């Protein structure tokens, strides 16, 4: 499938942008480096902003890469916006519910990295990336910088 055992992290901050380096040690301690300044944070669930000891560094969102790649061999992270290039990768029930939308984003759900498509506010249909072919998805952006891509209803397959 799309995923191998490679775990990487990246960090986004609304005001600062991307961190230059993110390290998570065996105890789940996250260290974010931005402008050569390191900032550690206690263990926390994924997707929750990192609470740094230095108040000025609050607001980091950590995205994990589950070792999955897209058709261009790029690492896929939580929060990446993907275009589905092959509708046969989704079960018929999901296609029906999503009205054949081809744009979704990566979420961590049921202990798996998934390609998720919102079908209504707060409701999502998701498919494990590990069950999909690497050639079937392409990264077109991420929810931090390009969330407008998720609003496009014209992106439906014929």
N, C-alpha and C. Protein backbone atom coordinates (compact mmCIF):
# COMPACT_ATOMS: atom_id res chain seq x y z
N UNK A 1 0.83 -1.21 0.00
CA UNK A 1 0.00 0.00 0.00
C UNK A 1 0.85 1.25 0.00
N UNK A 2 0.22 2.30 0.38
CA UNK A 2 0.79 3.63 0.34
C UNK A 2 1.77 3.86 1.49
N UNK A 3 1.69 3.07 2.57
CA UNK A 3 2.41 3.41 3.81
C UNK A 3 3.54 2.46 4.15
N UNK A 4 4.61 3.04 4.68
CA UNK A 4 5.73 2.26 5.19
C UNK A 4 6.03 2.74 6.59
N UNK A 5 6.93 2.05 7.26
CA UNK A 5 7.23 2.46 8.64
C UNK A 5 8.24 3.59 8.66
N UNK A 6 7.74 4.80 8.55
CA UNK A 6 8.62 5.97 8.64
C UNK A 6 7.81 7.03 9.35
N UNK A 7 8.27 7.49 10.49
CA UNK A 7 7.48 8.46 11.24
C UNK A 7 8.20 9.79 11.28
N UNK A 8 7.58 10.78 10.71
CA UNK A 8 8.13 12.13 10.66
C UNK A 8 7.10 13.10 11.23
N UNK A 9 7.56 14.27 11.64
CA UNK A 9 6.66 15.29 12.15
C UNK A 9 6.97 16.63 11.52
N UNK A 10 5.96 17.49 11.45
CA UNK A 10 6.17 18.88 11.06
C UNK A 10 5.29 19.72 11.99
N UNK A 11 5.60 21.01 12.09
CA UNK A 11 4.84 21.87 13.00
C UNK A 11 4.49 23.18 12.30
N UNK A 12 3.25 23.60 12.49
CA UNK A 12 2.74 24.83 11.88
C UNK A 12 2.27 25.78 12.99
N UNK A 13 2.57 27.06 12.81
CA UNK A 13 2.10 28.08 13.74
C UNK A 13 1.40 29.17 12.92
N UNK A 14 0.21 29.58 13.39
CA UNK A 14 -0.61 30.54 12.65
C UNK A 14 0.16 31.82 12.31
N UNK A 15 0.99 32.29 13.24
CA UNK A 15 1.72 33.54 12.99
C UNK A 15 3.12 33.31 12.43
N UNK A 16 3.76 32.22 12.86
CA UNK A 16 5.17 32.01 12.50
C UNK A 16 5.35 31.18 11.24
N UNK A 17 4.34 30.39 10.86
CA UNK A 17 4.51 29.50 9.72
C UNK A 17 5.09 28.17 10.14
N UNK A 18 5.91 27.57 9.28
CA UNK A 18 6.45 26.24 9.54
C UNK A 18 7.70 26.29 10.41
N UNK A 19 7.80 25.30 11.31
CA UNK A 19 9.02 25.15 12.11
C UNK A 19 10.11 24.56 11.22
N UNK A 20 11.37 24.86 11.56
CA UNK A 20 12.46 24.30 10.76
C UNK A 20 12.74 22.85 11.14
N UNK A 21 12.37 22.46 12.36
CA UNK A 21 12.67 21.10 12.81
C UNK A 21 11.70 20.71 13.91
N UNK A 22 11.28 19.45 13.90
CA UNK A 22 10.42 18.93 14.96
C UNK A 22 10.96 17.58 15.38
N UNK A 23 11.20 17.40 16.66
CA UNK A 23 11.69 16.13 17.18
C UNK A 23 10.74 15.67 18.28
N UNK A 24 10.35 14.41 18.21
CA UNK A 24 9.52 13.83 19.28
C UNK A 24 10.31 12.67 19.85
N UNK A 25 10.62 12.74 21.16
CA UNK A 25 11.43 11.67 21.74
C UNK A 25 10.55 10.52 22.21
N UNK A 26 11.18 9.50 22.75
CA UNK A 26 10.47 8.29 23.15
C UNK A 26 9.41 8.51 24.22
N UNK A 27 9.53 9.61 24.96
CA UNK A 27 8.54 9.91 26.00
C UNK A 27 7.43 10.80 25.48
N UNK A 28 7.45 11.09 24.18
CA UNK A 28 6.41 11.93 23.62
C UNK A 28 6.65 13.41 23.83
N UNK A 29 7.87 13.77 24.24
CA UNK A 29 8.19 15.18 24.40
C UNK A 29 8.49 15.78 23.02
N UNK A 30 7.78 16.84 22.69
CA UNK A 30 7.94 17.47 21.39
C UNK A 30 8.88 18.66 21.51
N UNK A 31 9.88 18.73 20.65
CA UNK A 31 10.75 19.91 20.59
C UNK A 31 10.64 20.52 19.20
N UNK A 32 10.18 21.76 19.18
CA UNK A 32 10.01 22.48 17.91
C UNK A 32 11.14 23.49 17.80
N UNK A 33 11.80 23.55 16.64
CA UNK A 33 12.84 24.56 16.41
C UNK A 33 12.33 25.56 15.39
N UNK A 34 12.38 26.83 15.78
CA UNK A 34 11.93 27.90 14.88
C UNK A 34 12.94 29.04 15.01
N UNK A 35 13.47 29.49 13.88
CA UNK A 35 14.50 30.54 13.92
C UNK A 35 15.63 30.18 14.88
N UNK A 36 16.04 28.91 14.85
CA UNK A 36 17.14 28.42 15.68
C UNK A 36 16.85 28.42 17.18
N UNK A 37 15.60 28.64 17.58
CA UNK A 37 15.25 28.59 19.00
C UNK A 37 14.47 27.30 19.25
N UNK A 38 14.93 26.49 20.19
CA UNK A 38 14.23 25.25 20.51
C UNK A 38 13.17 25.50 21.56
N UNK A 39 12.09 24.79 21.46
CA UNK A 39 10.98 24.97 22.37
C UNK A 39 10.38 23.59 22.65
N UNK A 40 10.41 23.15 23.92
CA UNK A 40 9.91 21.82 24.25
C UNK A 40 8.48 21.88 24.75
N UNK A 41 7.80 20.76 24.64
CA UNK A 41 6.42 20.71 25.12
C UNK A 41 6.15 19.35 25.72
N UNK A 42 5.30 19.29 26.74
CA UNK A 42 4.97 18.00 27.35
C UNK A 42 4.15 17.13 26.39
N UNK A 43 4.00 15.89 26.74
CA UNK A 43 3.22 14.95 25.93
C UNK A 43 1.82 15.49 25.71
N UNK A 44 1.25 15.26 24.54
CA UNK A 44 -0.09 15.76 24.25
C UNK A 44 -0.66 14.98 23.08
N UNK A 45 -2.00 14.94 22.96
CA UNK A 45 -2.58 14.23 21.83
C UNK A 45 -2.27 14.94 20.52
N UNK A 46 -2.16 14.17 19.45
CA UNK A 46 -1.92 14.77 18.14
C UNK A 46 -3.04 15.73 17.79
N UNK A 47 -2.69 16.81 17.11
CA UNK A 47 -3.70 17.75 16.67
C UNK A 47 -4.01 18.82 17.70
N UNK A 48 -3.50 18.66 18.92
CA UNK A 48 -3.72 19.67 19.95
C UNK A 48 -2.52 20.61 19.93
N UNK A 49 -2.74 21.91 19.95
CA UNK A 49 -1.57 22.82 19.90
C UNK A 49 -0.59 22.52 21.01
N UNK A 50 0.67 22.58 20.68
CA UNK A 50 1.72 22.30 21.66
C UNK A 50 1.77 23.44 22.67
N UNK A 51 1.74 23.10 23.93
CA UNK A 51 1.86 24.12 24.98
C UNK A 51 3.33 24.23 25.35
N UNK A 52 4.00 25.20 24.80
CA UNK A 52 5.42 25.34 25.12
C UNK A 52 5.59 26.02 26.46
N UNK A 53 6.75 25.79 27.07
CA UNK A 53 7.02 26.39 28.37
C UNK A 53 7.12 27.91 28.22
N UNK A 54 7.66 28.35 27.09
CA UNK A 54 7.75 29.78 26.82
C UNK A 54 6.45 30.20 26.15
N UNK A 55 5.70 31.07 26.83
CA UNK A 55 4.36 31.44 26.35
C UNK A 55 4.38 31.99 24.93
N UNK A 56 5.49 32.58 24.54
CA UNK A 56 5.56 33.18 23.21
C UNK A 56 5.53 32.12 22.12
N UNK A 57 5.82 30.88 22.50
CA UNK A 57 5.88 29.83 21.49
C UNK A 57 4.63 28.97 21.46
N UNK A 58 3.56 29.38 22.13
CA UNK A 58 2.32 28.61 22.10
C UNK A 58 1.73 28.57 20.69
N UNK A 59 0.84 27.63 20.50
CA UNK A 59 0.08 27.62 19.26
C UNK A 59 0.63 26.76 18.14
N UNK A 60 1.64 25.93 18.42
CA UNK A 60 2.15 25.03 17.39
C UNK A 60 1.19 23.87 17.20
N UNK A 61 0.92 23.51 15.97
CA UNK A 61 0.13 22.33 15.65
C UNK A 61 1.08 21.31 15.03
N UNK A 62 1.12 20.12 15.60
CA UNK A 62 2.03 19.09 15.12
C UNK A 62 1.27 18.15 14.18
N UNK A 63 1.81 17.95 12.98
CA UNK A 63 1.26 16.98 12.04
C UNK A 63 2.23 15.81 11.95
N UNK A 64 1.70 14.61 11.98
CA UNK A 64 2.55 13.43 11.85
C UNK A 64 2.43 12.86 10.45
N UNK A 65 3.55 12.33 9.98
CA UNK A 65 3.57 11.58 8.72
C UNK A 65 3.57 10.11 9.09
N UNK A 66 2.66 9.35 8.53
CA UNK A 66 2.58 7.93 8.85
C UNK A 66 3.38 7.07 7.91
N UNK A 67 4.27 7.69 7.14
CA UNK A 67 5.09 6.92 6.22
C UNK A 67 4.41 6.66 4.88
N UNK A 68 3.33 7.39 4.59
CA UNK A 68 2.62 7.22 3.32
C UNK A 68 3.17 8.22 2.31
N UNK A 69 3.11 7.84 1.04
CA UNK A 69 3.57 8.73 -0.02
C UNK A 69 2.48 8.91 -1.06
N UNK A 70 2.55 10.03 -1.79
CA UNK A 70 1.58 10.26 -2.85
C UNK A 70 2.19 9.85 -4.19
N UNK A 71 1.50 10.16 -5.28
CA UNK A 71 1.96 9.69 -6.60
C UNK A 71 3.29 10.32 -7.01
N UNK A 72 3.65 11.45 -6.39
CA UNK A 72 4.92 12.11 -6.68
C UNK A 72 6.01 11.76 -5.68
N UNK A 73 5.78 10.68 -4.90
CA UNK A 73 6.74 10.22 -3.89
C UNK A 73 6.94 11.22 -2.76
N UNK A 74 5.95 12.10 -2.55
CA UNK A 74 6.05 13.06 -1.45
C UNK A 74 5.42 12.46 -0.20
N UNK A 75 6.05 12.71 0.97
CA UNK A 75 5.51 12.22 2.24
C UNK A 75 4.17 12.88 2.53
N UNK A 76 3.21 12.06 2.96
CA UNK A 76 1.87 12.56 3.29
C UNK A 76 1.77 12.75 4.80
N UNK A 77 1.38 13.96 5.21
CA UNK A 77 1.21 14.29 6.62
C UNK A 77 -0.26 14.49 6.96
N UNK A 78 -0.57 14.35 8.26
CA UNK A 78 -1.87 14.79 8.76
C UNK A 78 -2.07 16.23 8.29
N UNK A 79 -3.28 16.55 7.89
CA UNK A 79 -3.56 17.92 7.49
C UNK A 79 -3.27 18.21 6.03
N UNK A 80 -2.63 17.28 5.32
CA UNK A 80 -2.43 17.48 3.88
C UNK A 80 -3.76 17.35 3.16
N UNK A 81 -3.94 18.20 2.16
CA UNK A 81 -5.13 18.12 1.31
C UNK A 81 -4.74 17.29 0.09
N UNK A 82 -5.53 16.25 -0.16
CA UNK A 82 -5.22 15.33 -1.25
C UNK A 82 -6.30 15.37 -2.32
N UNK A 83 -5.86 15.19 -3.56
CA UNK A 83 -6.81 14.96 -4.64
C UNK A 83 -6.80 13.47 -4.94
N UNK A 84 -7.97 12.88 -4.98
CA UNK A 84 -8.10 11.46 -5.31
C UNK A 84 -8.14 11.34 -6.83
N UNK A 85 -7.22 10.55 -7.38
CA UNK A 85 -7.11 10.42 -8.84
C UNK A 85 -7.80 9.17 -9.35
N UNK A 86 -8.19 8.28 -8.44
CA UNK A 86 -8.79 7.01 -8.86
C UNK A 86 -9.95 6.66 -7.92
N UNK A 87 -11.17 6.91 -8.39
CA UNK A 87 -12.35 6.70 -7.54
C UNK A 87 -12.53 5.24 -7.14
N UNK A 88 -11.91 4.32 -7.89
CA UNK A 88 -12.06 2.90 -7.55
C UNK A 88 -11.39 2.56 -6.22
N UNK A 89 -10.61 3.50 -5.68
CA UNK A 89 -9.93 3.26 -4.40
C UNK A 89 -10.88 3.37 -3.20
N UNK A 90 -12.06 3.94 -3.43
CA UNK A 90 -13.02 4.10 -2.34
C UNK A 90 -14.17 3.12 -2.50
N UNK A 91 -14.70 2.60 -1.38
CA UNK A 91 -15.85 1.70 -1.46
C UNK A 91 -17.07 2.45 -2.01
N UNK A 92 -17.96 1.73 -2.66
CA UNK A 92 -19.15 2.33 -3.28
C UNK A 92 -19.97 3.13 -2.28
N UNK A 93 -20.06 2.61 -1.05
CA UNK A 93 -20.86 3.31 -0.03
C UNK A 93 -20.29 4.69 0.27
N UNK A 94 -18.95 4.78 0.29
CA UNK A 94 -18.31 6.07 0.57
C UNK A 94 -18.49 7.02 -0.62
N UNK A 95 -18.37 6.49 -1.83
CA UNK A 95 -18.56 7.31 -3.03
C UNK A 95 -19.96 7.91 -3.05
N UNK A 96 -20.94 7.10 -2.67
CA UNK A 96 -22.32 7.57 -2.67
C UNK A 96 -22.49 8.70 -1.65
N UNK A 97 -21.94 8.50 -0.46
CA UNK A 97 -22.09 9.49 0.60
C UNK A 97 -21.34 10.78 0.31
N UNK A 98 -20.21 10.67 -0.37
CA UNK A 98 -19.39 11.86 -0.63
C UNK A 98 -19.75 12.51 -1.96
N UNK A 99 -20.73 11.96 -2.66
CA UNK A 99 -21.15 12.48 -3.97
C UNK A 99 -19.96 12.60 -4.93
N UNK A 100 -19.08 11.61 -4.85
CA UNK A 100 -17.91 11.54 -5.75
C UNK A 100 -16.98 12.74 -5.65
N UNK A 101 -16.94 13.38 -4.50
CA UNK A 101 -15.96 14.45 -4.30
C UNK A 101 -14.57 13.83 -4.39
N UNK A 102 -13.64 14.57 -4.96
CA UNK A 102 -12.30 14.01 -5.13
C UNK A 102 -11.26 14.70 -4.25
N UNK A 103 -11.68 15.68 -3.47
CA UNK A 103 -10.72 16.38 -2.61
C UNK A 103 -11.07 16.15 -1.14
N UNK A 104 -10.06 15.75 -0.39
CA UNK A 104 -10.24 15.53 1.04
C UNK A 104 -8.93 15.82 1.74
N UNK A 105 -8.87 15.48 3.02
CA UNK A 105 -7.62 15.73 3.74
C UNK A 105 -7.31 14.59 4.69
N UNK A 106 -6.07 14.58 5.14
CA UNK A 106 -5.57 13.47 5.94
C UNK A 106 -5.90 13.68 7.41
N UNK A 107 -6.55 12.66 7.98
CA UNK A 107 -6.90 12.68 9.40
C UNK A 107 -6.39 11.39 10.04
N UNK A 108 -6.18 11.45 11.35
CA UNK A 108 -5.81 10.25 12.09
C UNK A 108 -7.08 9.76 12.75
N UNK A 109 -7.58 8.60 12.30
CA UNK A 109 -8.88 8.12 12.76
C UNK A 109 -8.80 6.62 12.99
N UNK A 110 -9.37 6.14 14.08
CA UNK A 110 -9.35 4.70 14.39
C UNK A 110 -7.95 4.11 14.28
N UNK A 111 -6.98 4.83 14.82
CA UNK A 111 -5.58 4.39 14.85
C UNK A 111 -4.96 4.23 13.46
N UNK A 112 -5.51 4.92 12.46
CA UNK A 112 -4.94 4.87 11.10
C UNK A 112 -4.90 6.27 10.50
N UNK A 113 -3.97 6.44 9.56
CA UNK A 113 -3.98 7.67 8.77
C UNK A 113 -4.98 7.45 7.64
N UNK A 114 -5.91 8.38 7.52
CA UNK A 114 -7.02 8.20 6.57
C UNK A 114 -7.15 9.38 5.62
N UNK A 115 -7.70 9.09 4.45
CA UNK A 115 -8.13 10.11 3.50
C UNK A 115 -9.58 10.38 3.85
N UNK A 116 -9.87 11.60 4.32
CA UNK A 116 -11.21 11.92 4.77
C UNK A 116 -11.88 12.97 3.91
N UNK A 117 -13.17 12.76 3.65
CA UNK A 117 -13.95 13.73 2.88
C UNK A 117 -15.13 14.15 3.74
N UNK A 118 -15.27 15.46 3.95
CA UNK A 118 -16.40 15.95 4.73
C UNK A 118 -17.67 15.83 3.91
N UNK A 119 -18.71 15.24 4.52
CA UNK A 119 -19.98 15.15 3.80
C UNK A 119 -20.97 16.18 4.32
N UNK A 120 -20.73 16.67 5.53
CA UNK A 120 -21.48 17.79 6.07
C UNK A 120 -20.66 18.35 7.21
N UNK A 121 -21.09 19.47 7.77
CA UNK A 121 -20.30 20.10 8.83
C UNK A 121 -20.05 19.11 9.96
N UNK A 122 -18.79 18.80 10.20
CA UNK A 122 -18.45 17.93 11.30
C UNK A 122 -18.65 16.45 11.05
N UNK A 123 -19.15 16.08 9.87
CA UNK A 123 -19.31 14.66 9.57
C UNK A 123 -18.43 14.29 8.38
N UNK A 124 -17.72 13.17 8.54
CA UNK A 124 -16.72 12.82 7.55
C UNK A 124 -16.78 11.34 7.22
N UNK A 125 -16.46 11.02 5.99
CA UNK A 125 -16.25 9.63 5.58
C UNK A 125 -14.75 9.47 5.37
N UNK A 126 -14.17 8.39 5.88
CA UNK A 126 -12.72 8.23 5.82
C UNK A 126 -12.33 6.84 5.35
N UNK A 127 -11.21 6.76 4.66
CA UNK A 127 -10.67 5.50 4.15
C UNK A 127 -9.20 5.45 4.54
N UNK A 128 -8.77 4.32 5.10
CA UNK A 128 -7.37 4.18 5.49
C UNK A 128 -6.43 4.34 4.31
N UNK A 129 -5.43 5.19 4.44
CA UNK A 129 -4.47 5.40 3.35
C UNK A 129 -3.71 4.11 3.02
N UNK A 130 -3.53 3.26 4.03
CA UNK A 130 -2.83 2.00 3.80
C UNK A 130 -3.58 1.06 2.86
N UNK A 131 -4.87 1.31 2.66
CA UNK A 131 -5.66 0.46 1.77
C UNK A 131 -5.72 1.03 0.36
N UNK A 132 -5.03 2.16 0.14
CA UNK A 132 -5.10 2.83 -1.16
C UNK A 132 -3.77 2.74 -1.90
N UNK A 133 -3.83 2.76 -3.21
CA UNK A 133 -2.62 2.72 -4.02
C UNK A 133 -1.88 4.07 -3.95
N UNK A 134 -0.54 4.04 -3.89
CA UNK A 134 0.23 5.29 -3.82
C UNK A 134 -0.03 6.20 -5.03
N UNK A 135 -0.42 5.59 -6.16
CA UNK A 135 -0.62 6.41 -7.36
C UNK A 135 -1.99 7.05 -7.38
N UNK A 136 -2.81 6.76 -6.36
CA UNK A 136 -4.21 7.20 -6.41
C UNK A 136 -4.45 8.55 -5.76
N UNK A 137 -3.44 9.10 -5.07
CA UNK A 137 -3.62 10.40 -4.41
C UNK A 137 -2.46 11.33 -4.72
N UNK A 138 -2.78 12.63 -4.71
CA UNK A 138 -1.76 13.65 -4.95
C UNK A 138 -1.96 14.76 -3.93
N UNK A 139 -0.86 15.19 -3.27
CA UNK A 139 -0.94 16.32 -2.34
C UNK A 139 -1.12 17.60 -3.14
N UNK A 140 -2.16 18.38 -2.78
CA UNK A 140 -2.35 19.66 -3.49
C UNK A 140 -2.26 20.85 -2.55
N UNK A 141 -2.06 20.57 -1.26
CA UNK A 141 -1.94 21.66 -0.30
C UNK A 141 -2.06 21.11 1.11
N UNK A 142 -2.36 21.98 2.08
CA UNK A 142 -2.58 21.54 3.45
C UNK A 142 -3.61 22.44 4.10
N UNK A 143 -4.24 21.94 5.17
CA UNK A 143 -5.34 22.69 5.79
C UNK A 143 -4.88 23.97 6.48
N UNK A 144 -3.59 24.09 6.76
CA UNK A 144 -3.09 25.29 7.43
C UNK A 144 -3.00 26.47 6.48
N UNK A 145 -2.56 26.20 5.25
CA UNK A 145 -2.31 27.29 4.29
C UNK A 145 -3.34 27.35 3.17
N UNK A 146 -3.98 26.24 2.85
CA UNK A 146 -4.83 26.19 1.66
C UNK A 146 -6.22 25.64 1.93
N UNK A 147 -6.80 25.94 3.10
CA UNK A 147 -8.09 25.33 3.44
C UNK A 147 -9.18 25.68 2.43
N UNK A 148 -8.97 26.75 1.67
CA UNK A 148 -9.96 27.14 0.65
C UNK A 148 -10.16 26.02 -0.37
N UNK A 149 -9.14 25.17 -0.56
CA UNK A 149 -9.27 24.07 -1.52
C UNK A 149 -10.38 23.10 -1.13
N UNK A 150 -10.68 23.04 0.17
CA UNK A 150 -11.70 22.10 0.64
C UNK A 150 -13.11 22.64 0.39
N UNK A 151 -13.21 23.93 0.07
CA UNK A 151 -14.52 24.53 -0.15
C UNK A 151 -15.00 24.37 -1.58
N UNK A 152 -14.12 23.89 -2.46
CA UNK A 152 -14.48 23.85 -3.88
C UNK A 152 -15.38 22.67 -4.21
N UNK A 153 -16.63 22.95 -4.47
CA UNK A 153 -17.59 21.90 -4.80
C UNK A 153 -17.49 21.50 -6.27
N UNK A 154 -16.81 22.31 -7.05
CA UNK A 154 -16.71 21.99 -8.48
C UNK A 154 -15.77 20.83 -8.73
N UNK A 155 -15.07 20.39 -7.69
CA UNK A 155 -14.08 19.33 -7.85
C UNK A 155 -14.69 17.94 -7.76
N UNK A 156 -15.83 17.73 -8.39
CA UNK A 156 -16.44 16.41 -8.35
C UNK A 156 -16.11 15.67 -9.64
N UNK A 157 -15.94 14.38 -9.51
CA UNK A 157 -15.69 13.58 -10.71
C UNK A 157 -16.99 13.50 -11.51
N UNK A 158 -16.90 13.34 -12.82
CA UNK A 158 -18.12 13.25 -13.64
C UNK A 158 -18.94 12.00 -13.30
